[in-house]
């Protein structure tokens, strides 16, 4: 990518898209194209075609998606598969039609089978059954990967796919009904400390293990791969380290300074037992994360404190 290349960031107001936008700005890319969802409905085929006709971007970061935590994924199953399929199909096809130089599709670690061997290697895709609670979302993301592969195979399009692990960071979703585990814990412990509550309820057994990557680290990896990687195969992006939800919960409580009891609601689902990414391909390509989890939680909490009026909804 040249500094003056026309770069479209789909989903620029989400946590991942905004991190990519910041990273591009920092590196001096000045010709960035964005649209809010009210300005451009990515589910609308004609609207997306008209947008590409008008703007003719050279590069595309496809970070737009309908996302949520375990409850949202399981509750809004039709919305999650339909909206994500439409968004990715419309953008990827128009990128082909308008001869975009390169496109990056961002997926999710939930594409891998529920009981796949750990750590999760890229070639484990489609080797087993998916986690039931987020199967519709996962199938949509797998379809996005296969779209990129198919346009690569049939038309020679330079469309690459990256699969991030669990993400957190600036601009995260703190809505307790549909957020992911880490931001939900930050909000729960902050409010419990503020209101002197004697206990905080955490979901599940605490035994599942998860890996977490700060969104700005993901953005740095995306820029690196956009500049250096042109392969058909998807690339995992993560830290290669995980911890139990119980350990994470205690880490967040300590960071916030909450000293009350933690109670586990075992009626709530645990989800996949473990989701650790194999990042050996990424490391071999020359990139490694820089923000460790304890530091990242502090950064995320400071962001939450600075934006509580926005986040606490």
Protein backbone atom coordinates (compact mmCIF):
# COMPACT_ATOMS: atom_id res chain seq x y z
CA UNK A 1 0.00 0.00 0.00
CA UNK A 2 1.21 3.47 -0.86
CA UNK A 3 0.59 6.28 1.62
CA UNK A 4 -1.86 7.89 -0.81
CA UNK A 5 -3.65 4.62 -1.72
CA UNK A 6 -7.41 4.76 -1.35
CA UNK A 7 -8.22 2.48 1.59
CA UNK A 8 -11.74 1.53 2.63
CA UNK A 9 -12.26 0.40 6.23
CA UNK A 10 -15.60 -1.38 6.51
CA UNK A 11 -16.75 -1.16 10.11
CA UNK A 12 -14.50 1.76 11.08
CA UNK A 13 -16.51 2.62 14.20
CA UNK A 14 -16.28 -0.84 15.76
CA UNK A 15 -13.49 -1.82 18.11
CA UNK A 16 -11.43 -3.56 15.40
CA UNK A 17 -12.17 -1.12 12.58
CA UNK A 18 -11.36 1.91 14.72
CA UNK A 19 -8.07 0.29 15.79
CA UNK A 20 -7.18 -0.27 12.12
CA UNK A 21 -8.15 3.34 11.37
CA UNK A 22 -5.83 4.58 14.16
CA UNK A 23 -2.99 2.38 12.97
CA UNK A 24 -3.28 3.60 9.36
CA UNK A 25 -3.39 7.22 10.53
CA UNK A 26 -0.29 6.72 12.69
CA UNK A 27 1.63 5.33 9.72
CA UNK A 28 0.70 8.26 7.48
CA UNK A 29 -1.99 6.75 5.25
CA UNK A 30 -4.04 9.80 4.37
CA UNK A 31 -6.69 8.60 1.90
CA UNK A 32 -9.01 6.62 4.16
CA UNK A 33 -12.64 6.00 3.16
CA UNK A 34 -15.30 5.33 5.78
CA UNK A 35 -19.07 5.14 5.98
CA UNK A 36 -21.29 4.78 9.03
CA UNK A 37 -24.06 2.17 8.97
CA UNK A 38 -26.62 4.95 8.58
CA UNK A 39 -24.75 6.24 5.51
CA UNK A 40 -24.25 2.82 3.92
CA UNK A 41 -26.20 -0.36 4.67
CA UNK A 42 -23.67 -3.09 3.92
CA UNK A 43 -26.47 -5.68 3.83
CA UNK A 44 -27.90 -3.93 0.76
CA UNK A 45 -26.35 -5.26 -2.45
CA UNK A 46 -27.24 -2.25 -4.60
CA UNK A 47 -26.03 0.23 -1.98
CA UNK A 48 -22.65 -1.50 -1.71
CA UNK A 49 -22.31 -1.69 -5.51
CA UNK A 50 -23.07 2.03 -5.81
CA UNK A 51 -20.54 2.83 -3.09
CA UNK A 52 -17.76 0.93 -4.90
CA UNK A 53 -18.75 2.61 -8.19
CA UNK A 54 -18.42 6.01 -6.53
CA UNK A 55 -15.29 5.54 -4.40
CA UNK A 56 -13.27 2.84 -6.25
CA UNK A 57 -11.02 1.90 -3.31
CA UNK A 58 -7.62 0.31 -3.92
CA UNK A 59 -7.55 -1.64 -0.66
CA UNK A 60 -10.25 -2.94 1.68
CA UNK A 61 -10.19 -3.96 5.34
CA UNK A 62 -13.40 -5.92 5.94
CA UNK A 63 -13.90 -5.44 9.68
CA UNK A 64 -17.67 -4.85 9.55
CA UNK A 65 -19.76 -7.54 11.22
CA UNK A 66 -22.66 -8.17 13.53
CA UNK A 67 -20.95 -9.34 16.72
CA UNK A 68 -21.81 -10.19 20.32
CA UNK A 69 -21.12 -12.49 23.22
CA UNK A 70 -22.39 -15.98 23.95
CA UNK A 71 -25.94 -14.88 24.85
CA UNK A 72 -26.34 -12.58 21.84
CA UNK A 73 -24.99 -15.25 19.47
CA UNK A 74 -27.41 -17.82 20.79
CA UNK A 75 -30.44 -15.50 20.98
CA UNK A 76 -30.20 -13.73 17.62
CA UNK A 77 -29.14 -16.74 15.55
CA UNK A 78 -30.94 -15.74 12.34
CA UNK A 79 -29.70 -12.14 12.54
CA UNK A 80 -26.12 -13.24 13.06
CA UNK A 81 -25.95 -15.60 10.08
CA UNK A 82 -28.00 -13.45 7.68
CA UNK A 83 -26.41 -10.08 8.35
CA UNK A 84 -22.84 -11.38 8.34
CA UNK A 85 -23.37 -13.38 5.15
CA UNK A 86 -24.82 -10.34 3.39
CA UNK A 87 -22.11 -7.93 4.55
CA UNK A 88 -19.18 -10.10 3.53
CA UNK A 89 -20.69 -11.35 0.25
CA UNK A 90 -21.56 -7.83 -0.91
CA UNK A 91 -18.14 -6.35 -0.10
CA UNK A 92 -16.03 -9.25 -1.36
CA UNK A 93 -17.93 -9.47 -4.65
CA UNK A 94 -17.73 -5.73 -5.27
CA UNK A 95 -14.01 -5.80 -4.45
CA UNK A 96 -13.64 -8.36 -7.23
CA UNK A 97 -15.92 -6.46 -9.63
CA UNK A 98 -14.04 -3.20 -9.10
CA UNK A 99 -10.57 -4.80 -9.24
CA UNK A 100 -9.51 -3.91 -5.71
CA UNK A 101 -5.76 -4.52 -5.34
CA UNK A 102 -6.09 -6.36 -2.05
CA UNK A 103 -8.76 -7.18 0.53
CA UNK A 104 -8.40 -8.44 4.08
CA UNK A 105 -11.31 -10.34 5.65
CA UNK A 106 -11.42 -10.54 9.44
CA UNK A 107 -12.99 -13.66 10.87
CA UNK A 108 -13.10 -15.15 14.36
CA UNK A 109 -11.59 -18.02 16.32
CA UNK A 110 -15.10 -19.50 16.67
CA UNK A 111 -14.72 -20.90 13.13
CA UNK A 112 -12.83 -23.87 14.57
CA UNK A 113 -14.51 -27.08 15.79
CA UNK A 114 -15.63 -27.10 19.42
CA UNK A 115 -13.44 -30.06 20.32
CA UNK A 116 -10.51 -29.43 17.97
CA UNK A 117 -7.02 -30.25 19.28
CA UNK A 118 -5.27 -27.36 21.03
CA UNK A 119 -3.71 -25.05 20.05
CA UNK A 120 -5.94 -24.36 17.02
CA UNK A 121 -4.05 -24.65 13.77
CA UNK A 122 -5.35 -23.08 10.58
CA UNK A 123 -5.80 -26.48 8.93
CA UNK A 124 -8.27 -27.60 11.63
CA UNK A 125 -11.00 -25.61 9.86
CA UNK A 126 -14.00 -27.83 8.94
CA UNK A 127 -12.62 -30.92 10.69
CA UNK A 128 -15.41 -31.22 13.29
CA UNK A 129 -18.65 -29.88 14.75
CA UNK A 130 -18.91 -26.24 15.79
CA UNK A 131 -19.89 -24.86 19.20
CA UNK A 132 -23.70 -24.87 19.13
CA UNK A 133 -24.27 -21.48 20.77
CA UNK A 134 -22.44 -19.52 18.06
CA UNK A 135 -22.78 -21.90 15.10
CA UNK A 136 -24.69 -19.41 12.87
CA UNK A 137 -22.04 -16.71 13.34
CA UNK A 138 -19.22 -19.21 12.83
CA UNK A 139 -20.78 -20.53 9.61
CA UNK A 140 -21.07 -16.99 8.28
CA UNK A 141 -17.39 -16.36 9.04
CA UNK A 142 -16.37 -19.66 7.43
CA UNK A 143 -18.34 -18.60 4.35
CA UNK A 144 -16.30 -15.37 4.27
CA UNK A 145 -13.06 -17.34 4.32
CA UNK A 146 -14.31 -19.58 1.53
CA UNK A 147 -15.42 -16.54 -0.49
CA UNK A 148 -11.89 -15.16 -0.30
CA UNK A 149 -10.37 -18.52 -1.20
CA UNK A 150 -12.79 -19.01 -4.10
CA UNK A 151 -12.20 -15.57 -5.62
CA UNK A 152 -8.46 -16.22 -5.17
CA UNK A 153 -8.78 -19.58 -6.97
CA UNK A 154 -11.11 -18.57 -9.80
CA UNK A 155 -10.08 -14.98 -10.47
CA UNK A 156 -6.65 -14.61 -8.87
CA UNK A 157 -7.93 -11.97 -6.43
CA UNK A 158 -5.50 -11.06 -3.66
CA UNK A 159 -8.07 -11.57 -0.89
CA UNK A 160 -6.57 -12.72 2.41
CA UNK A 161 -8.24 -13.89 5.63
CA UNK A 162 -7.09 -13.39 9.20
CA UNK A 163 -8.63 -15.05 12.26
CA UNK A 164 -8.26 -13.06 15.47
CA UNK A 165 -8.53 -14.64 18.88
CA UNK A 166 -10.79 -13.06 21.55
CA UNK A 167 -10.35 -9.29 21.39
CA UNK A 168 -10.69 -6.42 23.84
CA UNK A 169 -9.56 -2.80 23.96
CA UNK A 170 -10.58 0.76 23.20
CA UNK A 171 -14.21 1.18 22.15
CA UNK A 172 -15.29 -2.25 23.40
CA UNK A 173 -18.93 -3.20 24.02
CA UNK A 174 -19.84 -3.00 27.72
CA UNK A 175 -23.55 -3.78 27.40
CA UNK A 176 -24.10 -6.64 29.84
CA UNK A 177 -26.75 -8.26 27.63
CA UNK A 178 -24.54 -8.80 24.58
CA UNK A 179 -20.92 -8.03 25.46
CA UNK A 180 -17.99 -10.44 25.53
CA UNK A 181 -16.58 -11.77 28.78
CA UNK A 182 -13.71 -9.34 29.46
CA UNK A 183 -15.58 -6.03 29.03
CA UNK A 184 -18.55 -7.51 30.93
CA UNK A 185 -16.24 -8.30 33.86
CA UNK A 186 -14.72 -4.82 33.80
CA UNK A 187 -18.15 -3.22 34.03
CA UNK A 188 -19.46 -5.65 36.66
CA UNK A 189 -16.50 -5.19 38.99
CA UNK A 190 -16.38 -1.42 38.50
CA UNK A 191 -20.07 -1.04 39.39
CA UNK A 192 -19.78 -3.48 42.29
CA UNK A 193 -16.84 -1.54 43.74
CA UNK A 194 -18.61 1.79 43.23
CA UNK A 195 -21.79 0.55 44.95
CA UNK A 196 -20.02 -1.52 47.65
CA UNK A 197 -21.76 -4.73 46.59
CA UNK A 198 -20.78 -7.79 48.66
CA UNK A 199 -20.46 -10.11 45.69
CA UNK A 200 -20.23 -10.23 41.88
CA UNK A 201 -21.86 -12.97 39.84
CA UNK A 202 -19.76 -14.51 37.08
CA UNK A 203 -21.16 -16.86 34.47
CA UNK A 204 -20.43 -20.56 34.10
CA UNK A 205 -17.92 -22.65 36.02
CA UNK A 206 -14.84 -20.52 35.33
CA UNK A 207 -13.01 -23.54 33.91
CA UNK A 208 -12.95 -22.74 30.15
CA UNK A 209 -9.67 -21.30 28.93
CA UNK A 210 -9.45 -18.29 26.64
CA UNK A 211 -6.80 -16.23 24.88
CA UNK A 212 -7.08 -12.44 24.65
CA UNK A 213 -5.49 -9.95 22.24
CA UNK A 214 -5.63 -6.16 22.52
CA UNK A 215 -7.39 -4.73 19.46
CA UNK A 216 -4.55 -2.32 18.66
CA UNK A 217 -2.18 -5.29 18.51
CA UNK A 218 -4.56 -6.92 16.02
CA UNK A 219 -4.57 -3.72 13.96
CA UNK A 220 -0.77 -3.73 13.87
CA UNK A 221 -0.84 -7.36 12.69
CA UNK A 222 -3.42 -6.50 10.02
CA UNK A 223 -1.26 -3.71 8.59
CA UNK A 224 1.79 -5.96 8.66
CA UNK A 225 0.00 -8.77 6.83
CA UNK A 226 -1.62 -6.38 4.35
CA UNK A 227 1.87 -5.23 3.38
CA UNK A 228 3.66 -8.59 3.45
CA UNK A 229 1.30 -11.56 3.07
CA UNK A 230 -0.35 -12.68 -0.17
CA UNK A 231 -1.23 -16.28 0.56
CA UNK A 232 -4.47 -18.16 0.00
CA UNK A 233 -4.38 -19.74 3.46
CA UNK A 234 -5.95 -17.99 6.44
CA UNK A 235 -3.67 -16.70 9.23
CA UNK A 236 -4.41 -16.91 12.96
CA UNK A 237 -3.72 -13.74 14.95
CA UNK A 238 -3.30 -14.08 18.70
CA UNK A 239 -0.82 -14.25 21.55
CA UNK A 240 -0.40 -18.02 21.77
CA UNK A 241 -1.15 -17.80 25.53
CA UNK A 242 -4.38 -18.48 27.42
CA UNK A 243 -5.80 -18.56 30.95
CA UNK A 244 -8.97 -19.81 32.61
CA UNK A 245 -12.04 -17.61 32.91
CA UNK A 246 -11.64 -17.92 36.68
CA UNK A 247 -8.06 -16.57 36.45
CA UNK A 248 -9.23 -13.79 34.14
CA UNK A 249 -12.04 -12.87 36.54
CA UNK A 250 -9.63 -12.61 39.45
CA UNK A 251 -7.21 -10.54 37.34
CA UNK A 252 -9.94 -8.05 36.42
CA UNK A 253 -11.16 -7.84 40.04
CA UNK A 254 -7.60 -7.13 41.23
CA UNK A 255 -7.03 -4.52 38.52
CA UNK A 256 -10.19 -2.65 39.49
CA UNK A 257 -9.60 -3.11 43.21
CA UNK A 258 -12.75 -5.06 44.03
CA UNK A 259 -12.36 -7.12 47.21
CA UNK A 260 -15.80 -8.76 47.52
CA UNK A 261 -16.87 -12.32 46.80
CA UNK A 262 -17.03 -13.85 43.31
CA UNK A 263 -20.00 -16.21 42.87
CA UNK A 264 -20.25 -18.55 39.89
CA UNK A 265 -23.63 -19.06 38.22
CA UNK A 266 -23.19 -22.56 36.84
CA UNK A 267 -26.63 -22.45 35.17
CA UNK A 268 -25.04 -20.20 32.52
CA UNK A 269 -23.24 -21.87 29.58
CA UNK A 270 -19.46 -22.22 29.45
CA UNK A 271 -19.15 -22.41 25.67
CA UNK A 272 -16.12 -24.07 24.08
CA UNK A 273 -13.81 -25.66 26.70
CA UNK A 274 -10.68 -24.07 25.22
CA UNK A 275 -9.81 -21.81 22.29
CA UNK A 276 -6.06 -21.27 22.06
CA UNK A 277 -4.72 -20.17 18.69
CA UNK A 278 -1.63 -21.68 17.11
CA UNK A 279 0.21 -18.55 15.98
CA UNK A 280 3.31 -20.26 14.59
CA UNK A 281 2.41 -19.21 11.03
CA UNK A 282 2.07 -15.58 12.12
CA UNK A 283 5.36 -15.69 14.02
CA UNK A 284 7.09 -17.28 11.03
CA UNK A 285 5.81 -14.38 8.91
CA UNK A 286 7.60 -12.00 11.29
CA UNK A 287 4.95 -10.54 13.61
CA UNK A 288 4.38 -10.94 17.38
CA UNK A 289 2.05 -9.18 19.83
CA UNK A 290 3.42 -6.49 22.16
CA UNK A 291 0.63 -5.80 24.72
CA UNK A 292 0.38 -8.41 27.48
CA UNK A 293 -2.95 -9.07 29.18
CA UNK A 294 -2.34 -7.39 32.59
CA UNK A 295 -1.20 -4.19 30.84
CA UNK A 296 -4.05 -4.40 28.33
CA UNK A 297 -6.71 -4.73 31.05
CA UNK A 298 -5.39 -1.56 32.69
CA UNK A 299 -5.54 0.25 29.32
CA UNK A 300 -9.08 -0.99 28.66
CA UNK A 301 -10.26 -0.03 32.15
CA UNK A 302 -8.81 3.48 31.79
CA UNK A 303 -10.70 3.78 28.50
CA UNK A 304 -13.89 2.61 30.22
CA UNK A 305 -13.46 5.18 33.00
CA UNK A 306 -12.96 7.95 30.45
CA UNK A 307 -16.06 7.01 28.44
CA UNK A 308 -18.55 5.70 30.98
CA UNK A 309 -21.38 7.86 29.68
CA UNK A 310 -21.00 6.15 26.29
CA UNK A 311 -20.25 2.63 27.49
CA UNK A 312 -22.59 2.25 30.46
CA UNK A 313 -25.79 1.66 28.51
